[in-house]
Amino acid sequence: IGDGSVVLDTGELAAFDHLVLAVGSTVSPLPGTVPVGTWEGAQRARARLSDLPAGSTVTVIGTGPTGIETASEVADARPDLQVRLVGSRLAASFSEGARRRVRAGLERLEVSILEDTVADVLPGDEAPGGDQVRLRSDPDRPLHSDLTLWAVLGTIPDLAQRSGLDVDDRGRALVDGYLRSVSDPRVFVVGDCAAVPGSRPACQTAGPQGAHAADTLARLIRGREPRPYSMGYFGTGLTLGRHDGVIQLSRRDDSARRQYLAGRPAIVLKEAATLGAKYGSRTATITWLSGAK
């Protein structure tokens, strides 16, 4: 990307007046694991799960929201399986009270929790032997796993860096207050690949950024002054199977409050957020809180 054009794999040039870079993040799973954060990985995980006999062990790697929800869904849908959740600190961004409630919800679903760091996975060949998951704390005693799911946030594609745009140490494109690349104001950058101060990877982030970039582009085309981007968080929601959940409420700067919602109220709020995201993708109508003052 550069000088008003995009170079395609074929070598062709596609010229642009404005461009939106929204490549998100990519999954970098350990060998031998099935990544749930890609369409292909999710389809493969679905097929593998349906083939597992009762009593099989499923290991989910990642103790953040994606890992917690994945382990919960598997345990809720297949109570005949043994589900294990492995990672660093469980729900690390949550308050202590909310973390305890998440743990209780997982234990109700009989999900075993190992707050440890995975060293590596010695993959089987999708045959009866299964995988061997080694932990850093005890590498000489690997854990047997019939299916190992990778539920850890990935890395940022190097497209922005390869294109010569200014990036941070994670490879995210540096942007100004209007979500434009500091290297080229014709390029808007949104989502996981944008180095917006205080942002985190989430649909709660990407939706407002995409909408704001579109609004800003429309204003510029009409010869109007752009408005600076401002967005505040309200919390992080988790479902724990189909009948339980936890919503960690936060300040607008995304720092956790002591308060949280759990059980049926959390399920209702999470479903409402999901429906809102679906509605926004169809109608381009997206609302969000302004940022902290």
C-alpha atoms as a PDB file:
ATOM      1  CA  ILE A   1       0.000   0.000   0.000  1.00  0.00           C
ATOM      2  CA  GLY A   2       1.518   3.317  -0.974  1.00  0.00           C
ATOM      3  CA  ASP A   3       1.438   6.349  -3.234  1.00  0.00           C
ATOM      4  CA  GLY A   4      -2.293   6.036  -3.805  1.00  0.00           C
ATOM      5  CA  SER A   5      -2.313   2.436  -4.972  1.00  0.00           C
ATOM      6  CA  VAL A   6      -2.455  -1.124  -3.713  1.00  0.00           C
ATOM      7  CA  VAL A   7      -0.172  -3.755  -5.248  1.00  0.00           C
ATOM      8  CA  LEU A   8      -2.054  -7.041  -5.679  1.00  0.00           C
ATOM      9  CA  ASP A   9      -0.495 -10.511  -5.581  1.00  0.00           C
ATOM     10  CA  THR A  10      -0.781 -10.594  -9.362  1.00  0.00           C
ATOM     11  CA  GLY A  11       1.391  -7.486  -9.633  1.00  0.00           C
ATOM     12  CA  GLU A  12      -1.533  -5.328 -10.758  1.00  0.00           C
ATOM     13  CA  LEU A  13      -2.031  -1.891  -9.244  1.00  0.00           C
ATOM     14  CA  ALA A  14      -5.394  -0.810  -7.808  1.00  0.00           C
ATOM     15  CA  ALA A  15      -5.513   2.975  -7.451  1.00  0.00           C
ATOM     16  CA  PHE A  16      -7.429   4.650  -4.607  1.00  0.00           C
ATOM     17  CA  ASP A  17      -8.394   8.103  -3.417  1.00  0.00           C
ATOM     18  CA  HIS A  18      -9.065   6.771   0.092  1.00  0.00           C
ATOM     19  CA  LEU A  19      -8.455   3.361   1.622  1.00  0.00           C
ATOM     20  CA  VAL A  20      -9.621   1.604   4.789  1.00  0.00           C
ATOM     21  CA  LEU A  21      -7.173  -0.881   6.279  1.00  0.00           C
ATOM     22  CA  ALA A  22      -9.110  -3.362   8.418  1.00  0.00           C
ATOM     23  CA  VAL A  23      -7.109  -6.589   8.275  1.00  0.00           C
ATOM     24  CA  GLY A  24      -7.732  -7.305  11.965  1.00  0.00           C
ATOM     25  CA  SER A  25      -5.516  -9.847  13.670  1.00  0.00           C
ATOM     26  CA  THR A  26      -4.458 -13.310  12.623  1.00  0.00           C
ATOM     27  CA  VAL A  27      -4.343 -16.541  14.616  1.00  0.00           C
ATOM     28  CA  SER A  28      -0.950 -18.117  15.311  1.00  0.00           C
ATOM     29  CA  PRO A  29      -1.786 -21.484  16.885  1.00  0.00           C
ATOM     30  CA  LEU A  30       0.701 -23.948  18.288  1.00  0.00           C
ATOM     31  CA  PRO A  31       1.233 -26.906  15.941  1.00  0.00           C
ATOM     32  CA  GLY A  32      -1.189 -29.689  16.718  1.00  0.00           C
ATOM     33  CA  THR A  33      -4.026 -27.414  17.845  1.00  0.00           C
ATOM     34  CA  VAL A  34      -7.246 -26.432  16.077  1.00  0.00           C
ATOM     35  CA  PRO A  35      -7.768 -22.632  16.116  1.00  0.00           C
ATOM     36  CA  VAL A  36     -11.345 -21.599  16.913  1.00  0.00           C
ATOM     37  CA  GLY A  37     -10.700 -18.004  15.825  1.00  0.00           C
ATOM     38  CA  THR A  38     -10.887 -18.752  12.094  1.00  0.00           C
ATOM     39  CA  TRP A  39     -13.825 -19.931  10.005  1.00  0.00           C
ATOM     40  CA  GLU A  40     -11.905 -22.969   8.775  1.00  0.00           C
ATOM     41  CA  GLY A  41     -10.720 -23.812  12.289  1.00  0.00           C
ATOM     42  CA  ALA A  42     -14.207 -23.501  13.746  1.00  0.00           C
ATOM     43  CA  GLN A  43     -15.609 -25.818  11.070  1.00  0.00           C
ATOM     44  CA  ARG A  44     -12.841 -28.329  11.713  1.00  0.00           C
ATOM     45  CA  ALA A  45     -13.416 -28.119  15.480  1.00  0.00           C
ATOM     46  CA  ARG A  46     -17.148 -28.721  14.983  1.00  0.00           C
ATOM     47  CA  ALA A  47     -16.476 -31.828  12.888  1.00  0.00           C
ATOM     48  CA  ARG A  48     -13.868 -33.190  15.312  1.00  0.00           C
ATOM     49  CA  LEU A  49     -16.144 -32.626  18.306  1.00  0.00           C
ATOM     50  CA  SER A  50     -19.025 -34.468  16.682  1.00  0.00           C
ATOM     51  CA  ASP A  51     -16.772 -37.490  16.114  1.00  0.00           C
ATOM     52  CA  LEU A  52     -15.428 -37.712  19.663  1.00  0.00           C
ATOM     53  CA  PRO A  53     -16.806 -40.619  21.699  1.00  0.00           C
ATOM     54  CA  ALA A  54     -18.052 -40.155  25.263  1.00  0.00           C
ATOM     55  CA  GLY A  55     -15.268 -39.876  27.814  1.00  0.00           C
ATOM     56  CA  SER A  56     -12.848 -38.130  25.449  1.00  0.00           C
ATOM     57  CA  THR A  57     -10.774 -35.197  26.697  1.00  0.00           C
ATOM     58  CA  VAL A  58     -10.938 -31.757  25.085  1.00  0.00           C
ATOM     59  CA  THR A  59      -8.262 -29.210  26.008  1.00  0.00           C
ATOM     60  CA  VAL A  60      -8.921 -25.526  25.360  1.00  0.00           C
ATOM     61  CA  ILE A  61      -5.807 -23.330  25.424  1.00  0.00           C
ATOM     62  CA  GLY A  62      -6.457 -19.732  26.454  1.00  0.00           C
ATOM     63  CA  THR A  63      -7.999 -18.409  29.668  1.00  0.00           C
ATOM     64  CA  GLY A  64      -9.278 -15.139  28.200  1.00  0.00           C
ATOM     65  CA  PRO A  65     -12.857 -14.542  27.048  1.00  0.00           C
ATOM     66  CA  THR A  66     -12.550 -16.681  23.897  1.00  0.00           C
ATOM     67  CA  GLY A  67     -11.103 -19.646  25.762  1.00  0.00           C
ATOM     68  CA  ILE A  68     -13.608 -19.395  28.602  1.00  0.00           C
ATOM     69  CA  GLU A  69     -16.576 -19.237  26.240  1.00  0.00           C
ATOM     70  CA  THR A  70     -15.222 -22.061  24.067  1.00  0.00           C
ATOM     71  CA  ALA A  71     -14.677 -24.391  27.023  1.00  0.00           C
ATOM     72  CA  SER A  72     -18.105 -23.500  28.426  1.00  0.00           C
ATOM     73  CA  GLU A  73     -19.920 -24.132  25.145  1.00  0.00           C
ATOM     74  CA  VAL A  74     -18.215 -27.489  24.629  1.00  0.00           C
ATOM     75  CA  ALA A  75     -18.929 -28.594  28.208  1.00  0.00           C
ATOM     76  CA  ASP A  76     -22.551 -27.427  28.014  1.00  0.00           C
ATOM     77  CA  ALA A  77     -23.215 -29.079  24.643  1.00  0.00           C
ATOM     78  CA  ARG A  78     -21.262 -32.272  25.377  1.00  0.00           C
ATOM     79  CA  PRO A  79     -21.470 -33.089  29.109  1.00  0.00           C
ATOM     80  CA  ASP A  80     -20.162 -36.564  28.251  1.00  0.00           C
ATOM     81  CA  LEU A  81     -16.716 -35.101  27.479  1.00  0.00           C
ATOM     82  CA  GLN A  82     -13.962 -34.101  29.883  1.00  0.00           C
ATOM     83  CA  VAL A  83     -13.139 -30.449  29.221  1.00  0.00           C
ATOM     84  CA  ARG A  84      -9.925 -28.814  30.401  1.00  0.00           C
ATOM     85  CA  LEU A  85      -9.068 -25.090  30.220  1.00  0.00           C
ATOM     86  CA  VAL A  86      -5.366 -24.193  30.221  1.00  0.00           C
ATOM     87  CA  GLY A  87      -3.719 -20.781  30.114  1.00  0.00           C
ATOM     88  CA  SER A  88      -2.308 -18.031  32.271  1.00  0.00           C
ATOM     89  CA  ARG A  89      -4.540 -16.110  34.704  1.00  0.00           C
ATOM     90  CA  LEU A  90      -8.260 -16.850  34.342  1.00  0.00           C
ATOM     91  CA  ALA A  91     -10.248 -13.802  33.151  1.00  0.00           C
ATOM     92  CA  ALA A  92      -7.279 -11.594  34.005  1.00  0.00           C
ATOM     93  CA  SER A  93      -9.009  -8.296  33.146  1.00  0.00           C
ATOM     94  CA  PHE A  94     -11.966  -8.978  35.472  1.00  0.00           C
ATOM     95  CA  SER A  95     -12.374  -7.858  39.075  1.00  0.00           C
ATOM     96  CA  GLU A  96     -11.712 -10.457  41.769  1.00  0.00           C
ATOM     97  CA  GLY A  97     -15.423 -10.929  42.434  1.00  0.00           C
ATOM     98  CA  ALA A  98     -16.197 -11.435  38.760  1.00  0.00           C
ATOM     99  CA  ARG A  99     -13.263 -13.830  38.374  1.00  0.00           C
ATOM    100  CA  ARG A 100     -14.575 -15.942  41.237  1.00  0.00           C
ATOM    101  CA  ARG A 101     -18.000 -16.005  39.607  1.00  0.00           C
ATOM    102  CA  VAL A 102     -16.496 -17.081  36.267  1.00  0.00           C
ATOM    103  CA  ARG A 103     -14.609 -19.863  38.015  1.00  0.00           C
ATOM    104  CA  ALA A 104     -17.776 -21.003  39.780  1.00  0.00           C
ATOM    105  CA  GLY A 105     -19.631 -21.104  36.457  1.00  0.00           C
ATOM    106  CA  LEU A 106     -16.897 -23.206  34.866  1.00  0.00           C
ATOM    107  CA  GLU A 107     -16.800 -25.567  37.830  1.00  0.00           C
ATOM    108  CA  ARG A 108     -20.586 -25.989  37.603  1.00  0.00           C
ATOM    109  CA  LEU A 109     -20.033 -27.186  34.039  1.00  0.00           C
ATOM    110  CA  GLU A 110     -17.266 -29.468  35.374  1.00  0.00           C
ATOM    111  CA  VAL A 111     -14.540 -27.715  33.378  1.00  0.00           C
ATOM    112  CA  SER A 112     -11.146 -28.318  34.982  1.00  0.00           C
ATOM    113  CA  ILE A 113      -8.949 -25.195  35.099  1.00  0.00           C
ATOM    114  CA  LEU A 114      -5.152 -25.147  34.922  1.00  0.00           C
ATOM    115  CA  GLU A 115      -3.777 -21.636  35.295  1.00  0.00           C
ATOM    116  CA  ASP A 116      -0.405 -22.448  33.796  1.00  0.00           C
ATOM    117  CA  THR A 117       1.464 -21.629  30.611  1.00  0.00           C
ATOM    118  CA  VAL A 118       1.463 -24.188  27.822  1.00  0.00           C
ATOM    119  CA  ALA A 119       4.959 -25.095  26.676  1.00  0.00           C
ATOM    120  CA  ASP A 120       3.992 -26.971  23.537  1.00  0.00           C
ATOM    121  CA  VAL A 121       1.657 -29.542  22.077  1.00  0.00           C
ATOM    122  CA  LEU A 122       2.911 -32.849  20.726  1.00  0.00           C
ATOM    123  CA  PRO A 123       0.236 -33.526  18.135  1.00  0.00           C
ATOM    124  CA  GLY A 124      -1.255 -36.885  17.351  1.00  0.00           C
ATOM    125  CA  ASP A 125      -2.448 -37.607  13.842  1.00  0.00           C
ATOM    126  CA  GLU A 126      -6.162 -37.158  14.590  1.00  0.00           C
ATOM    127  CA  ALA A 127      -6.079 -40.838  15.497  1.00  0.00           C
ATOM    128  CA  PRO A 128      -6.638 -42.763  18.767  1.00  0.00           C
ATOM    129  CA  GLY A 129      -3.248 -41.663  20.134  1.00  0.00           C
ATOM    130  CA  GLY A 130      -4.356 -38.067  20.643  1.00  0.00           C
ATOM    131  CA  ASP A 131      -2.281 -35.006  21.513  1.00  0.00           C
ATOM    132  CA  GLN A 132       0.151 -34.499  24.378  1.00  0.00           C
ATOM    133  CA  VAL A 133      -0.055 -31.051  25.990  1.00  0.00           C
ATOM    134  CA  ARG A 134       3.056 -30.089  27.963  1.00  0.00           C
ATOM    135  CA  LEU A 135       3.023 -27.406  30.639  1.00  0.00           C
ATOM    136  CA  ARG A 136       6.029 -25.278  31.505  1.00  0.00           C
ATOM    137  CA  SER A 137       5.639 -26.146  35.172  1.00  0.00           C
ATOM    138  CA  ASP A 138       5.886 -29.892  34.545  1.00  0.00           C
ATOM    139  CA  PRO A 139       7.136 -30.612  31.000  1.00  0.00           C
ATOM    140  CA  ASP A 140       8.020 -34.224  31.837  1.00  0.00           C
ATOM    141  CA  ARG A 141       4.385 -35.139  32.534  1.00  0.00           C
ATOM    142  CA  PRO A 142       2.357 -34.204  29.436  1.00  0.00           C
ATOM    143  CA  LEU A 143      -1.420 -34.225  29.556  1.00  0.00           C
ATOM    144  CA  HIS A 144      -3.380 -36.455  27.190  1.00  0.00           C
ATOM    145  CA  SER A 145      -5.854 -34.638  24.949  1.00  0.00           C
ATOM    146  CA  ASP A 146      -8.105 -36.138  22.265  1.00  0.00           C
ATOM    147  CA  LEU A 147      -8.742 -32.680  20.804  1.00  0.00           C
ATOM    148  CA  THR A 148      -6.803 -29.487  21.539  1.00  0.00           C
ATOM    149  CA  LEU A 149      -8.470 -26.176  20.677  1.00  0.00           C
ATOM    150  CA  TRP A 150      -6.474 -22.936  20.366  1.00  0.00           C
ATOM    151  CA  ALA A 151      -8.386 -19.925  21.745  1.00  0.00           C
ATOM    152  CA  VAL A 152      -5.660 -17.299  22.119  1.00  0.00           C
ATOM    153  CA  LEU A 153      -5.635 -13.896  20.443  1.00  0.00           C
ATOM    154  CA  GLY A 154      -3.316 -13.847  17.461  1.00  0.00           C
ATOM    155  CA  THR A 155      -0.825 -11.402  16.041  1.00  0.00           C
ATOM    156  CA  ILE A 156      -1.213  -8.471  13.674  1.00  0.00           C
ATOM    157  CA  PRO A 157      -0.535  -9.160   9.966  1.00  0.00           C
ATOM    158  CA  ASP A 158       2.573  -7.379   8.741  1.00  0.00           C
ATOM    159  CA  LEU A 159       0.824  -5.679   5.802  1.00  0.00           C
ATOM    160  CA  ALA A 160       1.019  -2.190   7.332  1.00  0.00           C
ATOM    161  CA  GLN A 161       4.680  -2.580   8.215  1.00  0.00           C
ATOM    162  CA  ARG A 162       5.591  -4.064   4.819  1.00  0.00           C
ATOM    163  CA  SER A 163       3.792  -1.162   3.176  1.00  0.00           C
ATOM    164  CA  GLY A 164       5.985   1.377   4.934  1.00  0.00           C
ATOM    165  CA  LEU A 165       3.291   2.794   7.223  1.00  0.00           C
ATOM    166  CA  ASP A 166       4.447   3.847  10.678  1.00  0.00           C
ATOM    167  CA  VAL A 167       3.620   1.082  13.185  1.00  0.00           C
ATOM    168  CA  ASP A 168       4.017   0.433  16.900  1.00  0.00           C
ATOM    169  CA  ASP A 169       6.019  -2.429  18.431  1.00  0.00           C
ATOM    170  CA  ARG A 170       3.113  -4.813  17.797  1.00  0.00           C
ATOM    171  CA  GLY A 171       2.887  -3.980  14.114  1.00  0.00           C
ATOM    172  CA  ARG A 172      -0.290  -1.892  14.449  1.00  0.00           C
ATOM    173  CA  ALA A 173      -0.507   1.179  12.227  1.00  0.00           C
ATOM    174  CA  LEU A 174      -0.140   4.486  14.066  1.00  0.00           C
ATOM    175  CA  VAL A 175      -3.148   6.744  13.528  1.00  0.00           C
ATOM    176  CA  ASP A 176      -4.145  10.333  14.245  1.00  0.00           C
ATOM    177  CA  GLY A 177      -7.221  11.426  16.162  1.00  0.00           C
ATOM    178  CA  TYR A 178      -9.419  10.753  13.126  1.00  0.00           C
ATOM    179  CA  LEU A 179      -8.203   7.127  12.617  1.00  0.00           C
ATOM    180  CA  ARG A 180      -6.020   8.082   9.651  1.00  0.00           C
ATOM    181  CA  SER A 181      -2.527   6.710   9.207  1.00  0.00           C
ATOM    182  CA  VAL A 182       0.066   9.212  10.404  1.00  0.00           C
ATOM    183  CA  SER A 183       2.064   8.243   7.308  1.00  0.00           C
ATOM    184  CA  ASP A 184      -0.703   8.795   4.760  1.00  0.00           C
ATOM    185  CA  PRO A 185      -3.954  10.629   5.635  1.00  0.00           C
ATOM    186  CA  ARG A 186      -5.688   8.919   2.710  1.00  0.00           C
ATOM    187  CA  VAL A 187      -5.454   5.622   4.601  1.00  0.00           C
ATOM    188  CA  PHE A 188      -7.919   4.969   7.443  1.00  0.00           C
ATOM    189  CA  VAL A 189      -7.003   2.157   9.847  1.00  0.00           C
ATOM    190  CA  VAL A 190      -9.589   0.462  12.063  1.00  0.00           C
ATOM    191  CA  GLY A 191      -9.922  -2.574  14.299  1.00  0.00           C
ATOM    192  CA  ASP A 192      -7.184  -4.764  15.750  1.00  0.00           C
ATOM    193  CA  CYS A 193      -4.566  -3.447  13.294  1.00  0.00           C
ATOM    194  CA  ALA A 194      -5.008   0.183  14.430  1.00  0.00           C
ATOM    195  CA  ALA A 195      -2.843   1.545  17.252  1.00  0.00           C
ATOM    196  CA  VAL A 196      -5.602   3.569  18.916  1.00  0.00           C
ATOM    197  CA  PRO A 197      -4.545   4.567  22.448  1.00  0.00           C
ATOM    198  CA  GLY A 198      -6.536   2.713  25.103  1.00  0.00           C
ATOM    199  CA  SER A 199      -8.213   0.309  22.676  1.00  0.00           C
ATOM    200  CA  ARG A 200      -8.343  -3.470  22.914  1.00  0.00           C
ATOM    201  CA  PRO A 201      -9.254  -6.121  20.354  1.00  0.00           C
ATOM    202  CA  ALA A 202     -13.028  -6.593  20.528  1.00  0.00           C
ATOM    203  CA  CYS A 203     -16.157  -6.196  18.427  1.00  0.00           C
ATOM    204  CA  GLN A 204     -16.994  -3.411  20.904  1.00  0.00           C
ATOM    205  CA  THR A 205     -13.926  -1.620  19.493  1.00  0.00           C
ATOM    206  CA  ALA A 206     -14.034  -2.509  15.813  1.00  0.00           C
ATOM    207  CA  GLY A 207     -17.670  -1.560  15.180  1.00  0.00           C
ATOM    208  CA  PRO A 208     -17.385   2.055  16.360  1.00  0.00           C
ATOM    209  CA  GLN A 209     -14.023   2.519  14.645  1.00  0.00           C
ATOM    210  CA  GLY A 210     -15.374   1.266  11.326  1.00  0.00           C
ATOM    211  CA  ALA A 211     -18.462   3.452  11.605  1.00  0.00           C
ATOM    212  CA  HIS A 212     -16.432   6.520  12.573  1.00  0.00           C
ATOM    213  CA  ALA A 213     -14.023   6.031   9.665  1.00  0.00           C
ATOM    214  CA  ALA A 214     -16.966   5.768   7.258  1.00  0.00           C
ATOM    215  CA  ASP A 215     -18.577   8.896   8.701  1.00  0.00           C
ATOM    216  CA  THR A 216     -15.279  10.780   8.529  1.00  0.00           C
ATOM    217  CA  LEU A 217     -14.741   9.767   4.917  1.00  0.00           C
ATOM    218  CA  ALA A 218     -18.253  10.953   4.034  1.00  0.00           C
ATOM    219  CA  ARG A 219     -17.597  14.306   5.718  1.00  0.00           C
ATOM    220  CA  LEU A 220     -14.307  14.767   3.867  1.00  0.00           C
ATOM    221  CA  ILE A 221     -15.881  13.963   0.495  1.00  0.00           C
ATOM    222  CA  ARG A 222     -18.546  16.583   1.191  1.00  0.00           C
ATOM    223  CA  GLY A 223     -15.910  19.151   2.083  1.00  0.00           C
ATOM    224  CA  ARG A 224     -16.770  19.201   5.798  1.00  0.00           C
ATOM    225  CA  GLU A 225     -14.389  19.158   8.738  1.00  0.00           C
ATOM    226  CA  PRO A 226     -13.811  15.718  10.315  1.00  0.00           C
ATOM    227  CA  ARG A 227     -14.653  15.029  13.937  1.00  0.00           C
ATOM    228  CA  PRO A 228     -12.112  13.366  16.246  1.00  0.00           C
ATOM    229  CA  TYR A 229     -12.721   9.760  17.267  1.00  0.00           C
ATOM    230  CA  SER A 230     -13.897   9.138  20.828  1.00  0.00           C
ATOM    231  CA  MET A 231     -15.099   5.840  22.269  1.00  0.00           C
ATOM    232  CA  GLY A 232     -15.655   4.499  25.775  1.00  0.00           C
ATOM    233  CA  TYR A 233     -16.141   0.938  26.991  1.00  0.00           C
ATOM    234  CA  PHE A 234     -18.991  -0.341  29.152  1.00  0.00           C
ATOM    235  CA  GLY A 235     -17.691  -3.806  30.052  1.00  0.00           C
ATOM    236  CA  THR A 236     -16.819  -7.287  28.894  1.00  0.00           C
ATOM    237  CA  GLY A 237     -19.400 -10.030  28.529  1.00  0.00           C
ATOM    238  CA  LEU A 238     -18.946 -13.788  28.823  1.00  0.00           C
ATOM    239  CA  THR A 239     -21.417 -16.584  28.287  1.00  0.00           C
ATOM    240  CA  LEU A 240     -20.849 -19.725  30.332  1.00  0.00           C
ATOM    241  CA  GLY A 241     -22.838 -22.166  28.279  1.00  0.00           C
ATOM    242  CA  ARG A 242     -26.414 -21.449  27.266  1.00  0.00           C
ATOM    243  CA  HIS A 243     -27.774 -20.676  30.726  1.00  0.00           C
ATOM    244  CA  ASP A 244     -25.169 -18.633  32.559  1.00  0.00           C
ATOM    245  CA  GLY A 245     -22.867 -15.694  32.010  1.00  0.00           C
ATOM    246  CA  VAL A 246     -20.873 -12.871  33.587  1.00  0.00           C
ATOM    247  CA  ILE A 247     -20.726  -9.222  32.514  1.00  0.00           C
ATOM    248  CA  GLN A 248     -17.785  -7.334  33.985  1.00  0.00           C
ATOM    249  CA  LEU A 249     -18.805  -3.684  34.116  1.00  0.00           C
ATOM    250  CA  SER A 250     -16.060  -1.169  33.407  1.00  0.00           C
ATOM    251  CA  ARG A 251     -15.285   2.517  33.398  1.00  0.00           C
ATOM    252  CA  ARG A 252     -15.101   4.183  30.005  1.00  0.00           C
ATOM    253  CA  ASP A 253     -11.322   3.783  29.986  1.00  0.00           C
ATOM    254  CA  ASP A 254     -11.917  -0.009  30.182  1.00  0.00           C
ATOM    255  CA  SER A 255     -10.695  -0.379  33.761  1.00  0.00           C
ATOM    256  CA  ALA A 256     -12.807  -2.889  35.670  1.00  0.00           C
ATOM    257  CA  ARG A 257     -15.344  -1.790  38.260  1.00  0.00           C
ATOM    258  CA  ARG A 258     -16.131  -3.912  41.285  1.00  0.00           C
ATOM    259  CA  GLN A 259     -19.667  -4.413  39.981  1.00  0.00           C
ATOM    260  CA  TYR A 260     -20.634  -7.202  37.623  1.00  0.00           C
ATOM    261  CA  LEU A 261     -23.772  -8.966  36.422  1.00  0.00           C
ATOM    262  CA  ALA A 262     -24.205 -12.730  36.448  1.00  0.00           C
ATOM    263  CA  GLY A 263     -26.719 -15.407  35.572  1.00  0.00           C
ATOM    264  CA  ARG A 264     -29.859 -14.552  33.616  1.00  0.00           C
ATOM    265  CA  PRO A 265     -29.291 -10.740  33.513  1.00  0.00           C
ATOM    266  CA  ALA A 266     -25.832 -11.330  31.998  1.00  0.00           C
ATOM    267  CA  ILE A 267     -27.256 -13.699  29.379  1.00  0.00           C
ATOM    268  CA  VAL A 268     -29.934 -11.167  28.380  1.00  0.00           C
ATOM    269  CA  LEU A 269     -27.401  -8.325  28.084  1.00  0.00           C
ATOM    270  CA  LYS A 270     -24.918 -10.441  26.115  1.00  0.00           C
ATOM    271  CA  GLU A 271     -27.633 -11.575  23.692  1.00  0.00           C
ATOM    272  CA  ALA A 272     -28.743  -7.961  23.263  1.00  0.00           C
ATOM    273  CA  ALA A 273     -25.172  -6.946  22.425  1.00  0.00           C
ATOM    274  CA  THR A 274     -24.928  -9.766  19.892  1.00  0.00           C
ATOM    275  CA  LEU A 275     -28.207  -8.761  18.262  1.00  0.00           C
ATOM    276  CA  GLY A 276     -27.017  -5.143  18.215  1.00  0.00           C
ATOM    277  CA  ALA A 277     -23.821  -6.141  16.403  1.00  0.00           C
ATOM    278  CA  LYS A 278     -25.853  -8.133  13.885  1.00  0.00           C
ATOM    279  CA  TYR A 279     -28.228  -5.205  13.360  1.00  0.00           C
ATOM    280  CA  GLY A 280     -25.328  -2.794  12.938  1.00  0.00           C
ATOM    281  CA  SER A 281     -23.659  -4.964  10.296  1.00  0.00           C
ATOM    282  CA  ARG A 282     -26.882  -4.984   8.250  1.00  0.00           C
ATOM    283  CA  THR A 283     -27.880  -1.348   8.633  1.00  0.00           C
ATOM    284  CA  ALA A 284     -24.610   0.533   9.345  1.00  0.00           C
ATOM    285  CA  THR A 285     -26.352   1.922  12.431  1.00  0.00           C
ATOM    286  CA  ILE A 286     -23.911   1.681  15.319  1.00  0.00           C
ATOM    287  CA  THR A 287     -24.000   3.535  18.629  1.00  0.00           C
ATOM    288  CA  TRP A 288     -21.324   3.779  21.301  1.00  0.00           C
ATOM    289  CA  LEU A 289     -20.305   5.701  24.376  1.00  0.00           C
ATOM    290  CA  SER A 290     -17.958   8.650  24.058  1.00  0.00           C
ATOM    291  CA  GLY A 291     -14.522   8.276  25.595  1.00  0.00           C
ATOM    292  CA  ALA A 292     -13.434   9.227  29.072  1.00  0.00           C
ATOM    293  CA  LYS A 293     -12.983  12.944  29.619  1.00  0.00           C
END
